[in-house]
Protein backbone atom coordinates (compact mmCIF):
# COMPACT_ATOMS: atom_id res chain seq x y z
CA MET A 1 0.00 0.00 0.00
CA SER A 2 1.27 3.43 -0.82
CA SER A 3 0.71 6.55 1.23
CA ASN A 4 -0.15 8.79 -1.73
CA GLY A 5 -3.91 8.34 -1.61
CA ASN A 6 -4.02 5.08 -3.58
CA LYS A 7 -4.35 2.99 -0.47
CA LEU A 8 -7.34 0.65 -0.44
CA GLY A 9 -10.13 1.30 2.05
CA ILE A 10 -11.90 -1.40 4.06
CA LYS A 11 -14.82 -1.47 1.61
CA SER A 12 -12.48 -2.73 -1.10
CA TRP A 13 -11.42 -5.74 1.00
CA SER A 14 -12.99 -9.16 0.56
CA GLU A 15 -16.13 -9.54 2.68
CA GLU A 16 -14.59 -12.12 5.02
CA ASP A 17 -11.79 -9.68 5.85
CA ARG A 18 -14.00 -6.70 6.64
CA PRO A 19 -14.57 -6.50 10.43
CA ARG A 20 -18.38 -6.14 10.27
CA GLU A 21 -18.86 -8.84 7.67
CA LYS A 22 -16.35 -11.07 9.45
CA LEU A 23 -18.34 -10.73 12.67
CA LEU A 24 -21.56 -11.73 10.86
CA LEU A 25 -19.88 -14.70 9.19
CA LYS A 26 -17.75 -16.02 12.06
CA GLY A 27 -19.04 -14.37 15.24
CA PRO A 28 -17.38 -11.74 17.49
CA LYS A 29 -14.87 -14.17 19.02
CA ALA A 30 -13.19 -14.57 15.64
CA LEU A 31 -12.23 -10.90 15.53
CA THR A 32 -9.07 -9.36 16.91
CA ASN A 33 -9.23 -6.51 19.42
CA ALA A 34 -8.32 -4.11 16.63
CA GLU A 35 -11.13 -5.39 14.41
CA LEU A 36 -13.69 -5.05 17.21
CA LEU A 37 -12.50 -1.53 17.94
CA ALA A 38 -12.63 -0.71 14.21
CA ILE A 39 -16.35 -1.61 14.19
CA LEU A 40 -16.93 0.89 16.99
CA ILE A 41 -14.92 3.54 15.15
CA GLY A 42 -16.87 2.94 11.93
CA SER A 43 -14.74 5.08 9.62
CA GLY A 44 -11.22 6.37 9.80
CA SER A 45 -9.46 9.49 8.63
CA LYS A 46 -7.96 10.46 5.26
CA GLU A 47 -4.65 8.99 6.36
CA LEU A 48 -5.85 5.81 8.12
CA ASN A 49 -8.79 3.50 7.63
CA ALA A 50 -10.81 2.38 10.67
CA LEU A 51 -8.72 -0.74 11.29
CA GLU A 52 -5.42 1.13 11.05
CA LEU A 53 -6.77 3.81 13.37
CA ALA A 54 -7.88 1.11 15.81
CA LYS A 55 -4.40 -0.42 15.75
CA THR A 56 -2.86 3.00 16.39
CA ILE A 57 -5.09 3.55 19.43
CA LEU A 58 -4.39 0.06 20.78
CA ASN A 59 -0.68 0.58 20.28
CA LYS A 60 -0.91 3.76 22.35
CA ALA A 61 -2.55 1.66 25.08
CA GLU A 62 0.25 -0.93 24.70
CA ASN A 63 -2.34 -3.40 23.35
CA ASN A 64 -3.82 -3.64 26.83
CA LEU A 65 -7.63 -3.46 27.06
CA LYS A 66 -7.49 -2.36 30.69
CA ALA A 67 -5.28 0.56 29.69
CA LEU A 68 -7.57 1.30 26.74
CA GLY A 69 -10.53 1.41 29.12
CA GLY A 70 -8.64 3.96 31.20
CA LEU A 71 -8.42 6.46 28.33
CA SER A 72 -10.75 9.42 28.76
CA VAL A 73 -12.97 10.83 26.02
CA LYS A 74 -10.54 13.75 25.78
CA GLN A 75 -7.58 11.39 25.31
CA LEU A 76 -9.44 9.42 22.65
CA THR A 77 -10.34 12.53 20.68
CA ALA A 78 -6.64 13.36 20.50
CA PHE A 79 -6.40 10.72 17.76
CA LYS A 80 -7.12 12.18 14.34
CA GLY A 81 -10.35 10.65 13.07
CA ILE A 82 -11.87 10.20 16.54
CA GLY A 83 -14.50 12.81 17.34
CA HIS A 84 -16.57 13.10 20.48
CA ALA A 85 -19.30 10.76 19.22
CA LYS A 86 -16.83 7.98 18.41
CA ALA A 87 -14.90 8.50 21.64
CA ILE A 88 -18.12 8.27 23.66
CA SER A 89 -19.12 5.06 21.81
CA ILE A 90 -15.74 3.49 22.58
CA ALA A 91 -15.87 4.55 26.25
CA ALA A 92 -19.44 3.22 26.61
CA ALA A 93 -18.59 -0.14 24.99
CA LEU A 94 -15.56 -0.64 27.22
CA GLU A 95 -17.58 0.25 30.32
CA LEU A 96 -20.26 -2.30 29.35
CA GLY A 97 -17.52 -4.92 28.97
CA ARG A 98 -16.13 -4.07 32.40
CA ARG A 99 -19.57 -4.26 34.03
CA ARG A 100 -20.28 -7.60 32.35
CA LYS A 101 -17.03 -8.97 33.73
CA ASP A 102 -17.88 -7.67 37.22
CA GLU A 103 -21.35 -9.22 37.07
CA LEU A 104 -19.92 -12.57 36.00
CA GLU A 105 -17.40 -12.49 38.83
CA ASP A 106 -20.03 -11.39 41.33
CA SER A 107 -22.49 -14.12 40.38
CA LYS A 108 -19.72 -16.70 40.42
CA ASN A 109 -18.70 -15.87 44.01
CA LYS A 110 -22.08 -14.93 45.49
CA ILE A 111 -23.44 -17.19 48.22
CA THR A 112 -27.22 -17.60 48.29
CA SER A 113 -27.57 -21.09 49.79
CA SER A 114 -25.71 -23.91 51.52
CA LYS A 115 -25.41 -25.58 48.10
CA ASP A 116 -23.46 -22.55 46.82
CA VAL A 117 -21.06 -22.95 49.75
CA TYR A 118 -20.65 -26.65 49.02
CA ASN A 119 -19.96 -26.05 45.32
CA PHE A 120 -17.45 -23.30 46.13
CA VAL A 121 -15.49 -25.12 48.84
CA PHE A 122 -15.74 -28.80 47.88
CA PRO A 123 -13.05 -28.66 45.12
CA PHE A 124 -10.54 -27.62 47.80
CA LEU A 125 -11.46 -30.55 50.04
CA ALA A 126 -12.14 -33.33 47.54
CA ASP A 127 -10.16 -36.54 48.19
CA SER A 128 -8.50 -35.08 51.30
CA LYS A 129 -7.66 -37.67 53.97
CA GLN A 130 -7.12 -34.96 56.57
CA GLU A 131 -9.59 -32.67 58.25
CA HIS A 132 -9.42 -29.04 57.06
CA PHE A 133 -11.16 -26.07 58.65
CA ILE A 134 -11.92 -23.29 56.17
CA VAL A 135 -13.59 -19.92 56.64
CA LEU A 136 -15.26 -17.96 53.86
CA LEU A 137 -15.14 -14.19 54.35
CA LEU A 138 -18.11 -12.37 52.82
CA ASN A 139 -19.07 -8.75 52.14
CA ARG A 140 -22.51 -7.20 52.66
CA SER A 141 -23.71 -8.64 49.33
CA ASN A 142 -22.76 -12.16 50.43
CA GLN A 143 -19.96 -12.29 47.90
CA VAL A 144 -16.83 -14.19 48.86
CA ILE A 145 -13.97 -11.83 49.57
CA LYS A 146 -11.50 -14.52 50.53
CA LYS A 147 -11.18 -18.18 51.47
CA VAL A 148 -8.99 -18.79 54.52
CA GLU A 149 -7.71 -22.18 55.65
CA VAL A 150 -7.57 -21.88 59.41
CA SER A 151 -6.17 -25.30 60.28
CA ILE A 152 -5.31 -28.78 59.01
CA GLY A 153 -5.56 -31.76 61.31
CA GLY A 154 -5.54 -35.50 61.16
CA VAL A 155 -8.13 -38.03 60.10
CA SER A 156 -10.41 -37.52 63.10
CA GLY A 157 -10.15 -33.82 63.88
CA THR A 158 -8.40 -30.46 63.78
CA LEU A 159 -7.91 -27.72 66.36
CA VAL A 160 -9.46 -24.34 65.60
CA ASP A 161 -8.38 -21.12 67.27
CA PRO A 162 -11.22 -18.55 67.09
CA LYS A 163 -8.67 -15.73 67.30
CA ILE A 164 -7.32 -16.72 63.87
CA VAL A 165 -10.85 -16.69 62.46
CA PHE A 166 -11.60 -13.23 63.88
CA HIS A 167 -8.24 -11.82 62.80
CA ALA A 168 -8.85 -12.90 59.20
CA ALA A 169 -12.42 -11.54 59.21
CA LEU A 170 -11.41 -8.18 60.67
CA GLU A 171 -8.42 -7.83 58.35
CA GLU A 172 -10.71 -8.13 55.31
CA LEU A 173 -13.51 -6.04 56.91
CA SER A 174 -15.91 -8.95 56.46
CA SER A 175 -19.61 -8.47 57.18
CA SER A 176 -20.21 -12.17 57.65
CA ILE A 177 -18.41 -15.50 57.63
CA ILE A 178 -19.19 -19.12 56.83
CA LEU A 179 -17.39 -21.96 58.61
CA CYS A 180 -16.56 -25.14 56.72
CA HIS A 181 -14.75 -28.36 57.54
CA ASN A 182 -14.66 -31.89 56.22
CA HIS A 183 -15.05 -35.29 57.86
CA PRO A 184 -12.78 -37.75 56.00
CA SER A 185 -14.70 -40.58 57.67
CA GLY A 186 -17.78 -39.70 55.59
CA ASN A 187 -19.96 -39.15 58.66
CA ILE A 188 -21.45 -35.67 58.36
CA LYS A 189 -23.21 -35.63 61.73
CA PRO A 190 -21.75 -32.80 63.86
CA SER A 191 -19.79 -33.89 66.90
CA GLN A 192 -20.06 -32.15 70.25
CA ALA A 193 -16.75 -30.45 69.45
CA ASP A 194 -18.29 -29.13 66.19
CA LEU A 195 -21.29 -27.77 68.09
CA ASP A 196 -19.07 -26.16 70.72
CA ILE A 197 -16.69 -24.42 68.30
CA THR A 198 -19.63 -23.14 66.22
CA LYS A 199 -21.23 -21.57 69.30
CA LYS A 200 -17.91 -20.17 70.49
CA ILE A 201 -17.17 -18.49 67.16
CA SER A 202 -20.78 -17.31 66.71
CA ASP A 203 -20.84 -15.70 70.15
CA GLY A 204 -17.45 -14.08 69.66
CA ALA A 205 -18.33 -12.78 66.18
CA LYS A 206 -21.25 -10.80 67.59
CA LEU A 207 -18.80 -8.66 69.55
CA PHE A 208 -17.31 -7.53 66.22
CA ASP A 209 -20.70 -7.12 64.50
CA ILE A 210 -19.90 -10.08 62.24
CA SER A 211 -22.55 -12.69 61.42
CA VAL A 212 -21.84 -16.41 61.19
CA LEU A 213 -24.19 -17.40 58.37
CA ASP A 214 -23.55 -21.13 58.36
CA HIS A 215 -21.24 -23.98 59.25
CA LEU A 216 -20.96 -26.81 56.74
CA ILE A 217 -19.55 -30.27 57.34
CA PHE A 218 -18.39 -31.94 54.14
CA SER A 219 -18.00 -35.55 53.06
CA GLU A 220 -17.20 -36.84 49.58
CA GLU A 221 -20.88 -37.01 48.61
CA HIS A 222 -22.93 -35.05 51.15
CA TYR A 223 -22.85 -32.09 53.49
CA PHE A 224 -24.50 -30.97 56.71
CA SER A 225 -25.58 -27.34 57.07
CA PHE A 226 -26.05 -25.88 60.55
CA ALA A 227 -28.23 -23.10 59.09
CA ASP A 228 -30.46 -25.51 57.14
CA GLU A 229 -30.93 -27.60 60.27
CA GLY A 230 -31.77 -24.58 62.45
CA LEU A 231 -28.65 -24.87 64.59
CA LEU A 232 -27.52 -21.25 64.22
């Protein structure tokens, strides 16, 4: 391609190479970041077509979508061929993408039932021959902030220090916590020690305005929920 005005525009490309037509033929996942951005831009300048302009903008953002999303409308309009309308379209599209990602992450880590807890924690305990005590730290929306392994014991039990539980919860400014541990024996019935430690942690948590939402006991195939059984 020459730079003397004879350069071919996107419309002269084969249909399967044009970003819009390529998206219709192959779906959005088949497009590069530059091609997707070119669709938002629509048309380029006299010097650069939409795809070349998209590549220039991405290059300025070091080909990093997070950095691209950080560009303001004013910064985007600094590129020749990008007016306010195009800059606003780009900013809006990137914000929608960010919100979609946040919603996916939120729904993935949100706890609404004992089954959600089981599905979240079980992969960490599957096939373990030792007893593990895990605490889930949650925010006000019942989303998991962090998973903390408080202790690892033997086949028949593990010691739990409530101070470690409270320290972790306070450090992350948790609104609530969920206690979890496994019984390698397969028996999910809570022992007296399980009942005692649950009450001890629940009573202590109230002093810090933290709620203990549940305590789950895991086996390979089943679980016991203190909340479901009315024990909290």
